[in-house]
Amino acid sequence: MSRLIEYLRDRLKIVIGCCYGVLGLIIFLACYVDRHHAHTMAEQKIPFFWSLFGFIAAVVIIRVAGWFGKSGIQTSEDYYDR
């Protein structure tokens, strides 16, 4: 497993290019999704609705988790020494 990680790390530009290529393919294919049988009005009117919804939800979850962690869960290493 470490050989694979080192192999990919040595070819980072190729890996990033492949990721962008897959992302572009997904966006291209999303343009051809049939929205005629959508369940909600938002699905019909907003292109890439579920992709945007998922991205925004992930950002909100990360922000809330960061705030929650800094509000008391994450403590300094010398917490018990004080």
N, C-alpha and C. Protein backbone atom coordinates (compact mmCIF):
# COMPACT_ATOMS: atom_id res chain seq x y z
N MET A 1 0.81 -1.18 0.00
CA MET A 1 0.00 0.00 0.00
C MET A 1 0.87 1.26 0.00
N SER A 2 1.97 1.21 0.73
CA SER A 2 2.84 2.39 0.77
C SER A 2 3.50 2.64 -0.59
N ARG A 3 3.75 1.56 -1.33
CA ARG A 3 4.32 1.74 -2.68
C ARG A 3 3.34 2.47 -3.59
N LEU A 4 2.05 2.12 -3.47
CA LEU A 4 1.03 2.78 -4.28
C LEU A 4 0.96 4.27 -3.94
N ILE A 5 0.99 4.59 -2.66
CA ILE A 5 0.93 5.99 -2.24
C ILE A 5 2.16 6.75 -2.75
N GLU A 6 3.31 6.16 -2.64
CA GLU A 6 4.52 6.82 -3.14
C GLU A 6 4.48 6.98 -4.66
N TYR A 7 3.97 5.95 -5.35
CA TYR A 7 3.85 6.01 -6.81
C TYR A 7 2.93 7.17 -7.22
N LEU A 8 1.78 7.28 -6.53
CA LEU A 8 0.84 8.36 -6.86
C LEU A 8 1.39 9.72 -6.45
N ARG A 9 2.12 9.78 -5.35
CA ARG A 9 2.70 11.03 -4.89
C ARG A 9 3.74 11.53 -5.89
N ASP A 10 4.49 10.62 -6.49
CA ASP A 10 5.49 11.01 -7.48
C ASP A 10 4.86 11.53 -8.76
N ARG A 11 3.64 11.14 -9.02
CA ARG A 11 2.93 11.54 -10.24
C ARG A 11 1.69 12.37 -9.89
N LEU A 12 1.86 13.33 -9.01
CA LEU A 12 0.75 14.11 -8.48
C LEU A 12 0.01 14.90 -9.56
N LYS A 13 0.73 15.46 -10.52
CA LYS A 13 0.07 16.24 -11.58
C LYS A 13 -0.84 15.36 -12.43
N ILE A 14 -0.42 14.14 -12.67
CA ILE A 14 -1.26 13.20 -13.45
C ILE A 14 -2.51 12.84 -12.65
N VAL A 15 -2.35 12.60 -11.35
CA VAL A 15 -3.49 12.25 -10.49
C VAL A 15 -4.49 13.40 -10.46
N ILE A 16 -3.99 14.62 -10.29
CA ILE A 16 -4.88 15.79 -10.26
C ILE A 16 -5.57 15.96 -11.60
N GLY A 17 -4.87 15.76 -12.69
CA GLY A 17 -5.47 15.84 -14.02
C GLY A 17 -6.56 14.80 -14.21
N CYS A 18 -6.32 13.59 -13.74
CA CYS A 18 -7.34 12.54 -13.83
C CYS A 18 -8.58 12.90 -13.01
N CYS A 19 -8.36 13.47 -11.83
CA CYS A 19 -9.50 13.88 -10.99
C CYS A 19 -10.32 14.97 -11.68
N TYR A 20 -9.63 15.94 -12.28
CA TYR A 20 -10.35 16.98 -13.03
C TYR A 20 -11.08 16.38 -14.23
N GLY A 21 -10.48 15.41 -14.88
CA GLY A 21 -11.13 14.76 -16.01
C GLY A 21 -12.39 14.02 -15.60
N VAL A 22 -12.33 13.31 -14.49
CA VAL A 22 -13.52 12.61 -13.99
C VAL A 22 -14.59 13.61 -13.59
N LEU A 23 -14.20 14.70 -12.94
CA LEU A 23 -15.16 15.74 -12.57
C LEU A 23 -15.82 16.34 -13.80
N GLY A 24 -15.03 16.61 -14.83
CA GLY A 24 -15.58 17.14 -16.08
C GLY A 24 -16.54 16.16 -16.74
N LEU A 25 -16.20 14.87 -16.70
CA LEU A 25 -17.09 13.85 -17.27
C LEU A 25 -18.41 13.80 -16.51
N ILE A 26 -18.35 13.89 -15.19
CA ILE A 26 -19.57 13.88 -14.39
C ILE A 26 -20.43 15.09 -14.71
N ILE A 27 -19.81 16.25 -14.84
CA ILE A 27 -20.57 17.46 -15.17
C ILE A 27 -21.17 17.34 -16.56
N PHE A 28 -20.41 16.81 -17.51
CA PHE A 28 -20.91 16.62 -18.87
C PHE A 28 -22.11 15.67 -18.88
N LEU A 29 -22.00 14.56 -18.17
CA LEU A 29 -23.09 13.59 -18.14
C LEU A 29 -24.30 14.13 -17.38
N ALA A 30 -24.08 14.99 -16.40
CA ALA A 30 -25.19 15.57 -15.65
C ALA A 30 -26.05 16.47 -16.52
N CYS A 31 -25.48 17.00 -17.60
CA CYS A 31 -26.26 17.84 -18.51
C CYS A 31 -27.32 17.03 -19.26
N TYR A 32 -27.12 15.74 -19.35
CA TYR A 32 -28.03 14.90 -20.12
C TYR A 32 -29.00 14.10 -19.25
N VAL A 33 -29.07 14.42 -17.97
CA VAL A 33 -30.02 13.74 -17.10
C VAL A 33 -31.42 14.26 -17.41
N ASP A 34 -32.35 13.34 -17.56
CA ASP A 34 -33.73 13.71 -17.86
C ASP A 34 -34.38 14.30 -16.62
N ARG A 35 -34.77 15.57 -16.71
CA ARG A 35 -35.42 16.23 -15.58
C ARG A 35 -36.94 16.26 -15.74
N HIS A 36 -37.45 15.57 -16.72
CA HIS A 36 -38.89 15.58 -16.97
C HIS A 36 -39.66 14.92 -15.83
N HIS A 37 -39.10 13.89 -15.23
CA HIS A 37 -39.78 13.15 -14.17
C HIS A 37 -39.22 13.52 -12.79
N ALA A 38 -38.84 14.76 -12.61
CA ALA A 38 -38.31 15.21 -11.32
C ALA A 38 -39.41 15.21 -10.28
N HIS A 39 -39.00 15.01 -9.03
CA HIS A 39 -39.98 14.92 -7.94
C HIS A 39 -40.32 16.29 -7.35
N THR A 40 -39.42 17.24 -7.45
CA THR A 40 -39.67 18.56 -6.88
C THR A 40 -39.46 19.63 -7.94
N MET A 41 -39.99 20.80 -7.66
CA MET A 41 -39.85 21.92 -8.59
C MET A 41 -38.38 22.36 -8.68
N ALA A 42 -37.65 22.26 -7.57
CA ALA A 42 -36.25 22.67 -7.58
C ALA A 42 -35.44 21.80 -8.53
N GLU A 43 -35.74 20.51 -8.59
CA GLU A 43 -35.03 19.61 -9.50
C GLU A 43 -35.25 20.00 -10.96
N GLN A 44 -36.44 20.50 -11.26
CA GLN A 44 -36.76 20.87 -12.63
C GLN A 44 -36.14 22.21 -13.01
N LYS A 45 -36.08 23.14 -12.08
CA LYS A 45 -35.67 24.51 -12.41
C LYS A 45 -34.17 24.76 -12.24
N ILE A 46 -33.54 24.13 -11.26
CA ILE A 46 -32.14 24.42 -10.96
C ILE A 46 -31.26 23.32 -11.54
N PRO A 47 -30.39 23.67 -12.49
CA PRO A 47 -29.50 22.63 -13.02
C PRO A 47 -28.51 22.18 -11.94
N PHE A 48 -28.18 20.91 -11.93
CA PHE A 48 -27.27 20.30 -10.96
C PHE A 48 -27.75 20.51 -9.53
N PHE A 49 -29.07 20.45 -9.30
CA PHE A 49 -29.64 20.73 -7.98
C PHE A 49 -29.05 19.84 -6.90
N TRP A 50 -29.06 18.53 -7.13
CA TRP A 50 -28.60 17.61 -6.08
C TRP A 50 -27.09 17.72 -5.87
N SER A 51 -26.34 18.04 -6.89
CA SER A 51 -24.90 18.26 -6.71
C SER A 51 -24.65 19.50 -5.86
N LEU A 52 -25.35 20.57 -6.16
CA LEU A 52 -25.22 21.79 -5.37
C LEU A 52 -25.70 21.57 -3.94
N PHE A 53 -26.81 20.87 -3.79
CA PHE A 53 -27.35 20.59 -2.47
C PHE A 53 -26.35 19.80 -1.63
N GLY A 54 -25.75 18.78 -2.22
CA GLY A 54 -24.77 17.96 -1.51
C GLY A 54 -23.53 18.75 -1.14
N PHE A 55 -23.06 19.60 -2.05
CA PHE A 55 -21.88 20.41 -1.77
C PHE A 55 -22.14 21.40 -0.65
N ILE A 56 -23.27 22.08 -0.71
CA ILE A 56 -23.62 23.05 0.34
C ILE A 56 -23.81 22.35 1.68
N ALA A 57 -24.45 21.17 1.67
CA ALA A 57 -24.63 20.42 2.91
C ALA A 57 -23.30 20.00 3.49
N ALA A 58 -22.36 19.57 2.66
CA ALA A 58 -21.04 19.18 3.15
C ALA A 58 -20.31 20.38 3.76
N VAL A 59 -20.39 21.53 3.13
CA VAL A 59 -19.75 22.73 3.67
C VAL A 59 -20.36 23.10 5.02
N VAL A 60 -21.68 23.04 5.12
CA VAL A 60 -22.35 23.36 6.39
C VAL A 60 -21.94 22.37 7.47
N ILE A 61 -21.90 21.08 7.16
CA ILE A 61 -21.51 20.07 8.15
C ILE A 61 -20.08 20.31 8.62
N ILE A 62 -19.17 20.63 7.71
CA ILE A 62 -17.78 20.88 8.09
C ILE A 62 -17.67 22.12 8.97
N ARG A 63 -18.38 23.17 8.62
CA ARG A 63 -18.35 24.41 9.41
C ARG A 63 -18.93 24.19 10.80
N VAL A 64 -20.06 23.50 10.89
CA VAL A 64 -20.68 23.24 12.19
C VAL A 64 -19.78 22.35 13.04
N ALA A 65 -19.17 21.35 12.44
CA ALA A 65 -18.27 20.47 13.18
C ALA A 65 -17.06 21.25 13.69
N GLY A 66 -16.52 22.15 12.90
CA GLY A 66 -15.40 22.97 13.34
C GLY A 66 -15.79 23.88 14.49
N TRP A 67 -16.95 24.51 14.37
CA TRP A 67 -17.42 25.37 15.45
C TRP A 67 -17.67 24.56 16.71
N PHE A 68 -18.28 23.40 16.55
CA PHE A 68 -18.59 22.55 17.69
C PHE A 68 -17.30 22.07 18.36
N GLY A 69 -16.30 21.73 17.56
CA GLY A 69 -15.03 21.29 18.12
C GLY A 69 -14.33 22.39 18.88
N LYS A 70 -14.36 23.60 18.35
CA LYS A 70 -13.68 24.71 19.01
C LYS A 70 -14.45 25.24 20.21
N SER A 71 -15.72 24.87 20.32
CA SER A 71 -16.51 25.38 21.44
C SER A 71 -16.28 24.60 22.73
N GLY A 72 -15.44 23.60 22.72
CA GLY A 72 -15.16 22.93 23.98
C GLY A 72 -14.65 21.51 23.84
N ILE A 73 -14.88 20.88 22.73
CA ILE A 73 -14.42 19.50 22.56
C ILE A 73 -12.91 19.46 22.42
N GLN A 74 -12.37 20.34 21.61
CA GLN A 74 -10.92 20.38 21.43
C GLN A 74 -10.32 21.20 22.58
N THR A 75 -9.49 20.57 23.35
CA THR A 75 -8.84 21.27 24.45
C THR A 75 -7.34 21.23 24.23
N SER A 76 -6.65 22.07 24.96
CA SER A 76 -5.20 22.09 24.83
C SER A 76 -4.61 20.83 25.44
N GLU A 77 -3.39 20.53 25.06
CA GLU A 77 -2.76 19.29 25.52
C GLU A 77 -2.46 19.31 27.01
N ASP A 78 -2.27 20.48 27.58
CA ASP A 78 -1.96 20.57 29.01
C ASP A 78 -3.22 20.80 29.85
N TYR A 79 -4.33 20.35 29.39
CA TYR A 79 -5.60 20.55 30.08
C TYR A 79 -5.57 19.96 31.49
N TYR A 80 -5.07 18.74 31.64
CA TYR A 80 -5.06 18.09 32.94
C TYR A 80 -3.95 18.60 33.85
N ASP A 81 -2.94 19.26 33.30
CA ASP A 81 -1.86 19.78 34.11
C ASP A 81 -2.23 21.08 34.82
N ARG A 82 -3.25 21.74 34.35
CA ARG A 82 -3.66 23.01 34.96
C ARG A 82 -4.43 22.80 36.23
